[in-house]
Structure formats: C-alpha cells, structure tokens
N, C-alpha and C. Protein backbone atom coordinates (compact mmCIF):
# COMPACT_ATOMS: atom_id res chain seq x y z
N MET A 1 -22.29 -26.39 -13.35
CA MET A 1 -20.85 -26.56 -13.08
C MET A 1 -20.73 -26.62 -11.49
N ASP A 2 -19.82 -27.56 -11.15
CA ASP A 2 -19.52 -27.76 -9.75
C ASP A 2 -18.82 -26.56 -9.16
N ALA A 3 -19.45 -25.91 -8.13
CA ALA A 3 -18.87 -24.66 -7.54
C ALA A 3 -17.45 -24.86 -6.98
N ALA A 4 -17.24 -26.06 -6.28
CA ALA A 4 -15.91 -26.29 -5.77
C ALA A 4 -14.90 -26.36 -6.92
N LYS A 5 -15.28 -27.07 -8.03
CA LYS A 5 -14.36 -27.14 -9.10
C LYS A 5 -14.10 -25.80 -9.78
N HIS A 6 -15.21 -24.98 -9.87
CA HIS A 6 -15.06 -23.67 -10.52
C HIS A 6 -14.14 -22.77 -9.67
N LEU A 7 -14.33 -22.80 -8.31
CA LEU A 7 -13.59 -21.87 -7.43
C LEU A 7 -12.15 -22.43 -7.16
N GLY A 8 -11.92 -23.71 -7.42
CA GLY A 8 -10.57 -24.16 -7.14
C GLY A 8 -10.41 -24.67 -5.75
N ASP A 9 -9.37 -25.27 -5.44
CA ASP A 9 -9.11 -25.75 -4.07
C ASP A 9 -8.67 -24.60 -3.23
N PRO A 10 -9.44 -24.27 -2.08
CA PRO A 10 -9.14 -23.10 -1.17
C PRO A 10 -7.89 -23.28 -0.50
N LEU A 11 -7.38 -24.60 -0.37
CA LEU A 11 -6.15 -24.82 0.41
C LEU A 11 -4.91 -24.58 -0.43
N LEU A 12 -5.08 -24.37 -1.77
CA LEU A 12 -3.94 -24.21 -2.59
C LEU A 12 -3.37 -22.68 -2.52
N PRO A 13 -2.14 -22.44 -2.68
CA PRO A 13 -1.64 -21.02 -2.61
C PRO A 13 -2.38 -20.15 -3.66
N MET A 14 -2.58 -18.85 -3.26
CA MET A 14 -3.21 -17.98 -4.22
C MET A 14 -2.20 -17.75 -5.43
N LYS A 15 -2.80 -17.77 -6.62
CA LYS A 15 -1.95 -17.56 -7.75
C LYS A 15 -1.89 -16.07 -8.07
N ILE A 16 -3.00 -15.35 -7.74
CA ILE A 16 -2.98 -13.95 -7.82
C ILE A 16 -3.52 -13.39 -6.54
N PRO A 17 -2.67 -12.92 -5.58
CA PRO A 17 -3.04 -12.50 -4.29
C PRO A 17 -3.69 -11.10 -4.32
N LEU A 18 -5.09 -11.15 -4.63
CA LEU A 18 -5.76 -9.85 -4.72
C LEU A 18 -5.85 -9.03 -3.42
N ALA A 19 -5.96 -9.72 -2.36
CA ALA A 19 -6.09 -8.99 -1.06
C ALA A 19 -5.33 -9.67 0.05
N LYS A 20 -4.08 -10.09 -0.31
CA LYS A 20 -3.23 -10.76 0.65
C LYS A 20 -2.69 -9.75 1.64
N PRO A 21 -2.92 -9.86 2.92
CA PRO A 21 -2.39 -8.90 3.85
C PRO A 21 -0.89 -9.01 4.15
N GLU A 22 -0.29 -7.87 4.41
CA GLU A 22 1.17 -7.89 4.79
C GLU A 22 1.18 -7.60 6.27
N LEU A 23 1.26 -8.61 7.14
CA LEU A 23 1.23 -8.41 8.56
C LEU A 23 2.49 -8.80 9.19
N GLY A 24 2.92 -7.95 10.14
CA GLY A 24 4.13 -8.17 10.90
C GLY A 24 3.84 -8.11 12.40
N GLU A 25 4.87 -8.09 13.16
CA GLU A 25 4.70 -8.11 14.65
C GLU A 25 3.97 -6.85 15.13
N GLU A 26 4.20 -5.71 14.49
CA GLU A 26 3.55 -4.54 14.95
C GLU A 26 2.07 -4.59 14.77
N GLU A 27 1.60 -5.14 13.70
CA GLU A 27 0.09 -5.30 13.47
C GLU A 27 -0.39 -6.36 14.44
N ILE A 28 0.31 -7.48 14.69
CA ILE A 28 -0.23 -8.45 15.59
C ILE A 28 -0.29 -7.95 16.97
N LEU A 29 0.66 -7.17 17.40
CA LEU A 29 0.62 -6.47 18.74
C LEU A 29 -0.59 -5.53 18.74
N ALA A 30 -0.80 -4.75 17.78
CA ALA A 30 -1.94 -3.83 17.81
C ALA A 30 -3.26 -4.50 17.95
N VAL A 31 -3.42 -5.59 17.19
CA VAL A 31 -4.73 -6.39 17.28
C VAL A 31 -4.79 -7.02 18.68
N THR A 32 -3.75 -7.57 19.25
CA THR A 32 -3.74 -8.09 20.54
C THR A 32 -4.15 -7.11 21.58
N GLU A 33 -3.60 -5.88 21.48
CA GLU A 33 -3.85 -4.80 22.45
C GLU A 33 -5.39 -4.45 22.40
N ARG A 34 -5.95 -4.39 21.14
CA ARG A 34 -7.42 -4.11 21.00
C ARG A 34 -8.24 -5.13 21.65
N LEU A 35 -7.92 -6.39 21.40
CA LEU A 35 -8.65 -7.49 21.94
C LEU A 35 -8.61 -7.43 23.56
N ARG A 36 -7.49 -7.20 24.07
CA ARG A 36 -7.36 -7.17 25.50
C ARG A 36 -8.05 -5.88 26.12
N SER A 37 -8.15 -4.85 25.33
CA SER A 37 -8.76 -3.60 25.87
C SER A 37 -10.32 -3.75 26.00
N GLY A 38 -10.89 -4.62 25.23
CA GLY A 38 -12.32 -4.78 25.24
C GLY A 38 -13.01 -3.86 24.21
N TRP A 39 -12.26 -2.99 23.58
CA TRP A 39 -12.75 -2.10 22.51
C TRP A 39 -12.53 -2.68 21.20
N ILE A 40 -13.43 -3.41 20.59
CA ILE A 40 -13.20 -4.07 19.33
C ILE A 40 -13.80 -3.34 18.18
N ALA A 41 -15.04 -2.87 18.29
CA ALA A 41 -15.79 -2.26 17.19
C ALA A 41 -15.70 -0.72 17.22
N GLN A 42 -15.47 -0.09 18.31
CA GLN A 42 -15.37 1.35 18.41
C GLN A 42 -14.28 1.63 19.45
N GLY A 43 -14.34 2.80 19.97
CA GLY A 43 -13.41 3.11 21.05
C GLY A 43 -12.38 4.13 20.76
N PRO A 44 -11.40 4.31 21.62
CA PRO A 44 -10.45 5.38 21.45
C PRO A 44 -9.55 5.29 20.26
N LYS A 45 -9.20 4.10 19.84
CA LYS A 45 -8.34 3.92 18.65
C LYS A 45 -9.09 4.30 17.39
N VAL A 46 -10.36 4.01 17.31
CA VAL A 46 -11.13 4.39 16.16
C VAL A 46 -11.28 5.90 16.05
N SER A 47 -11.51 6.55 17.18
CA SER A 47 -11.60 7.96 17.21
C SER A 47 -10.29 8.59 16.86
N GLU A 48 -9.21 8.05 17.38
CA GLU A 48 -7.84 8.61 17.01
C GLU A 48 -7.59 8.41 15.48
N PHE A 49 -7.98 7.27 14.97
CA PHE A 49 -7.81 7.08 13.46
C PHE A 49 -8.67 8.10 12.66
N GLU A 50 -9.96 8.26 13.08
CA GLU A 50 -10.85 9.21 12.39
C GLU A 50 -10.25 10.61 12.36
N ASN A 51 -9.78 11.08 13.53
CA ASN A 51 -9.22 12.43 13.65
C ASN A 51 -7.95 12.51 12.83
N ALA A 52 -7.04 11.53 12.89
CA ALA A 52 -5.82 11.55 12.04
C ALA A 52 -6.11 11.59 10.55
N TRP A 53 -7.11 10.80 10.16
CA TRP A 53 -7.44 10.79 8.71
C TRP A 53 -8.09 12.11 8.28
N ALA A 54 -8.92 12.63 9.10
CA ALA A 54 -9.54 13.98 8.74
C ALA A 54 -8.51 15.03 8.64
N LYS A 55 -7.52 14.99 9.46
CA LYS A 55 -6.41 15.97 9.42
C LYS A 55 -5.54 15.76 8.17
N THR A 56 -5.34 14.48 7.89
CA THR A 56 -4.44 14.12 6.71
C THR A 56 -5.10 14.64 5.40
N VAL A 57 -6.42 14.45 5.26
CA VAL A 57 -7.08 14.86 4.00
C VAL A 57 -7.68 16.29 4.10
N GLY A 58 -7.56 16.91 5.14
CA GLY A 58 -7.97 18.31 5.30
C GLY A 58 -9.47 18.52 5.44
N CYS A 59 -10.11 17.54 6.18
CA CYS A 59 -11.53 17.61 6.40
C CYS A 59 -11.85 18.00 7.93
N LYS A 60 -13.04 18.45 8.09
CA LYS A 60 -13.46 18.75 9.43
C LYS A 60 -13.62 17.45 10.27
N SER A 61 -14.12 16.37 9.71
CA SER A 61 -14.30 15.17 10.41
C SER A 61 -14.23 13.99 9.48
N ALA A 62 -14.12 12.78 9.95
CA ALA A 62 -14.14 11.50 9.21
C ALA A 62 -14.84 10.51 9.96
N CYS A 63 -15.28 9.44 9.23
CA CYS A 63 -16.07 8.40 9.85
C CYS A 63 -15.53 7.06 9.42
N ALA A 64 -15.05 6.21 10.32
CA ALA A 64 -14.58 4.95 10.03
C ALA A 64 -15.70 4.01 9.78
N VAL A 65 -15.57 3.12 8.79
CA VAL A 65 -16.67 2.16 8.55
C VAL A 65 -16.00 0.72 8.56
N SER A 66 -16.96 -0.21 8.50
CA SER A 66 -16.50 -1.66 8.65
C SER A 66 -16.03 -2.29 7.32
N SER A 67 -16.36 -1.68 6.20
CA SER A 67 -16.03 -2.30 4.93
C SER A 67 -15.90 -1.33 3.86
N CYS A 68 -15.35 -1.70 2.71
CA CYS A 68 -15.25 -0.83 1.52
C CYS A 68 -16.67 -0.69 0.96
N THR A 69 -17.47 -1.73 1.09
CA THR A 69 -18.89 -1.65 0.55
C THR A 69 -19.62 -0.56 1.26
N THR A 70 -19.47 -0.44 2.62
CA THR A 70 -20.16 0.60 3.40
C THR A 70 -19.56 1.91 3.02
N ALA A 71 -18.29 2.08 2.79
CA ALA A 71 -17.69 3.29 2.44
C ALA A 71 -18.21 3.78 1.13
N LEU A 72 -18.32 2.85 0.10
CA LEU A 72 -18.88 3.21 -1.19
C LEU A 72 -20.30 3.61 -1.11
N HIS A 73 -21.09 2.98 -0.29
CA HIS A 73 -22.54 3.28 -0.11
C HIS A 73 -22.62 4.65 0.46
N LEU A 74 -21.90 4.98 1.51
CA LEU A 74 -21.92 6.33 2.10
C LEU A 74 -21.48 7.38 1.15
N ALA A 75 -20.47 7.10 0.35
CA ALA A 75 -19.99 8.11 -0.72
C ALA A 75 -21.13 8.34 -1.65
N LEU A 76 -21.88 7.35 -2.10
CA LEU A 76 -22.90 7.55 -3.08
C LEU A 76 -24.07 8.37 -2.43
N LEU A 77 -24.34 8.10 -1.16
CA LEU A 77 -25.36 8.89 -0.46
C LEU A 77 -24.91 10.36 -0.27
N CYS A 78 -23.76 10.57 0.05
CA CYS A 78 -23.20 11.95 0.21
C CYS A 78 -23.21 12.71 -1.15
N LEU A 79 -23.01 12.02 -2.26
CA LEU A 79 -23.02 12.67 -3.55
C LEU A 79 -24.54 12.83 -4.08
N GLY A 80 -25.45 12.33 -3.34
CA GLY A 80 -26.88 12.41 -3.79
C GLY A 80 -27.26 11.43 -4.87
N ILE A 81 -26.45 10.41 -5.04
CA ILE A 81 -26.71 9.40 -6.06
C ILE A 81 -27.69 8.37 -5.45
N GLY A 82 -28.71 8.07 -6.31
CA GLY A 82 -29.70 7.18 -5.78
C GLY A 82 -30.31 6.34 -6.89
N SER A 83 -31.52 5.79 -6.53
CA SER A 83 -32.22 4.92 -7.49
C SER A 83 -32.45 5.64 -8.83
N GLY A 84 -32.08 4.95 -9.88
CA GLY A 84 -32.29 5.51 -11.23
C GLY A 84 -31.13 6.19 -11.80
N ASP A 85 -30.16 6.53 -10.89
CA ASP A 85 -28.89 7.20 -11.43
C ASP A 85 -27.97 6.13 -11.97
N GLU A 86 -27.16 6.52 -12.98
CA GLU A 86 -26.20 5.57 -13.53
C GLU A 86 -24.83 5.89 -12.95
N VAL A 87 -24.18 4.84 -12.51
CA VAL A 87 -22.80 4.85 -11.98
C VAL A 87 -21.90 3.99 -12.81
N LEU A 88 -20.82 4.51 -13.34
CA LEU A 88 -19.87 3.75 -14.08
C LEU A 88 -18.85 3.25 -13.15
N VAL A 89 -18.50 1.98 -13.24
CA VAL A 89 -17.47 1.34 -12.49
C VAL A 89 -16.48 0.61 -13.42
N PRO A 90 -15.22 0.38 -13.03
CA PRO A 90 -14.31 -0.30 -13.88
C PRO A 90 -14.67 -1.79 -14.09
N ALA A 91 -14.21 -2.42 -15.10
CA ALA A 91 -14.57 -3.80 -15.44
C ALA A 91 -14.12 -4.73 -14.33
N PHE A 92 -13.02 -4.41 -13.67
CA PHE A 92 -12.52 -5.29 -12.65
C PHE A 92 -12.77 -4.55 -11.29
N THR A 93 -13.73 -5.07 -10.54
CA THR A 93 -14.08 -4.37 -9.30
C THR A 93 -14.70 -5.38 -8.36
N TRP A 94 -15.00 -4.95 -7.15
CA TRP A 94 -15.64 -5.79 -6.16
C TRP A 94 -17.02 -6.11 -6.60
N ILE A 95 -17.52 -7.36 -6.32
CA ILE A 95 -18.83 -7.78 -6.71
C ILE A 95 -19.94 -6.95 -6.12
N ASP A 96 -19.72 -6.38 -4.94
CA ASP A 96 -20.75 -5.61 -4.29
C ASP A 96 -21.16 -4.30 -5.04
N LEU A 97 -20.28 -3.94 -5.95
CA LEU A 97 -20.64 -2.67 -6.73
C LEU A 97 -21.64 -2.97 -7.78
N LEU A 98 -21.78 -4.27 -8.23
CA LEU A 98 -22.70 -4.61 -9.25
C LEU A 98 -24.15 -4.58 -8.81
N PRO A 99 -25.02 -4.07 -9.62
CA PRO A 99 -26.44 -4.08 -9.22
C PRO A 99 -26.95 -5.56 -9.05
N LYS A 100 -27.93 -5.68 -8.10
CA LYS A 100 -28.49 -6.93 -7.83
C LYS A 100 -29.35 -7.43 -9.09
N LYS A 101 -29.90 -6.53 -9.83
CA LYS A 101 -30.66 -6.84 -10.97
C LYS A 101 -30.14 -5.97 -12.13
N ARG A 102 -29.56 -6.60 -13.12
CA ARG A 102 -29.06 -5.79 -14.28
C ARG A 102 -30.17 -5.38 -15.15
N THR A 103 -30.14 -4.11 -15.50
CA THR A 103 -31.21 -3.61 -16.46
C THR A 103 -30.68 -3.49 -17.80
N ARG A 104 -29.34 -3.26 -17.90
CA ARG A 104 -28.64 -3.26 -19.22
C ARG A 104 -27.13 -3.50 -18.94
N ILE A 105 -26.44 -3.98 -20.01
CA ILE A 105 -25.05 -4.26 -19.85
C ILE A 105 -24.28 -3.25 -20.78
C-alpha cells in the first residue's frame, strides 16, 4: 500500500484533531520570551514549573521531561516495572507504548 495514500494528504485539514494545540497571544509571547532568553531546554522557567507542579500534586519534587514517552518510561522505572512484566494499555493509545516485538496479542 502506498504510504502517502494510506496516510492521506497532510495539507488537508484534520478530520479528528487528536493533538491540535490551542495557542493564543499569551502562549506566543511566552515562547518568544524563552527564545530571547537563551534558555530553551532548561533554565529558570523549567525549575519554576517543576516546583509549581510538585506543590500542586503534593510532592517533594517534580521532574519536567521532553515528551510523554519519556514520562511514561520514567513512571515504569519508578514503579519497578521492567523486562518480562506485563503492562496493560488502552486500545487507543500512542504508538510508543506498544512493544517493538509483540510476543502475544
């Protein structure tokens, strides 16, 4: 099957916006400020976010990560889940949750 045909035309509007962001002027300004500050990957805003999140959920500390995949990986490590353990996930999920080699369905 032709991959382009299977995936559809990427220039067409999304029929089901699974991860369509809602961005306004406040978000655009915040991104612009970060770019101008020189702190893109870490820095004071990340520390501020981590501290605010820890306080919100009642934890001693929190760690910001770059993706949901990284967050899920860390969560599994923190729970002691590893090779050979079975983890159930919903039928509709991100592809990164699926094992690279399926042993059973």
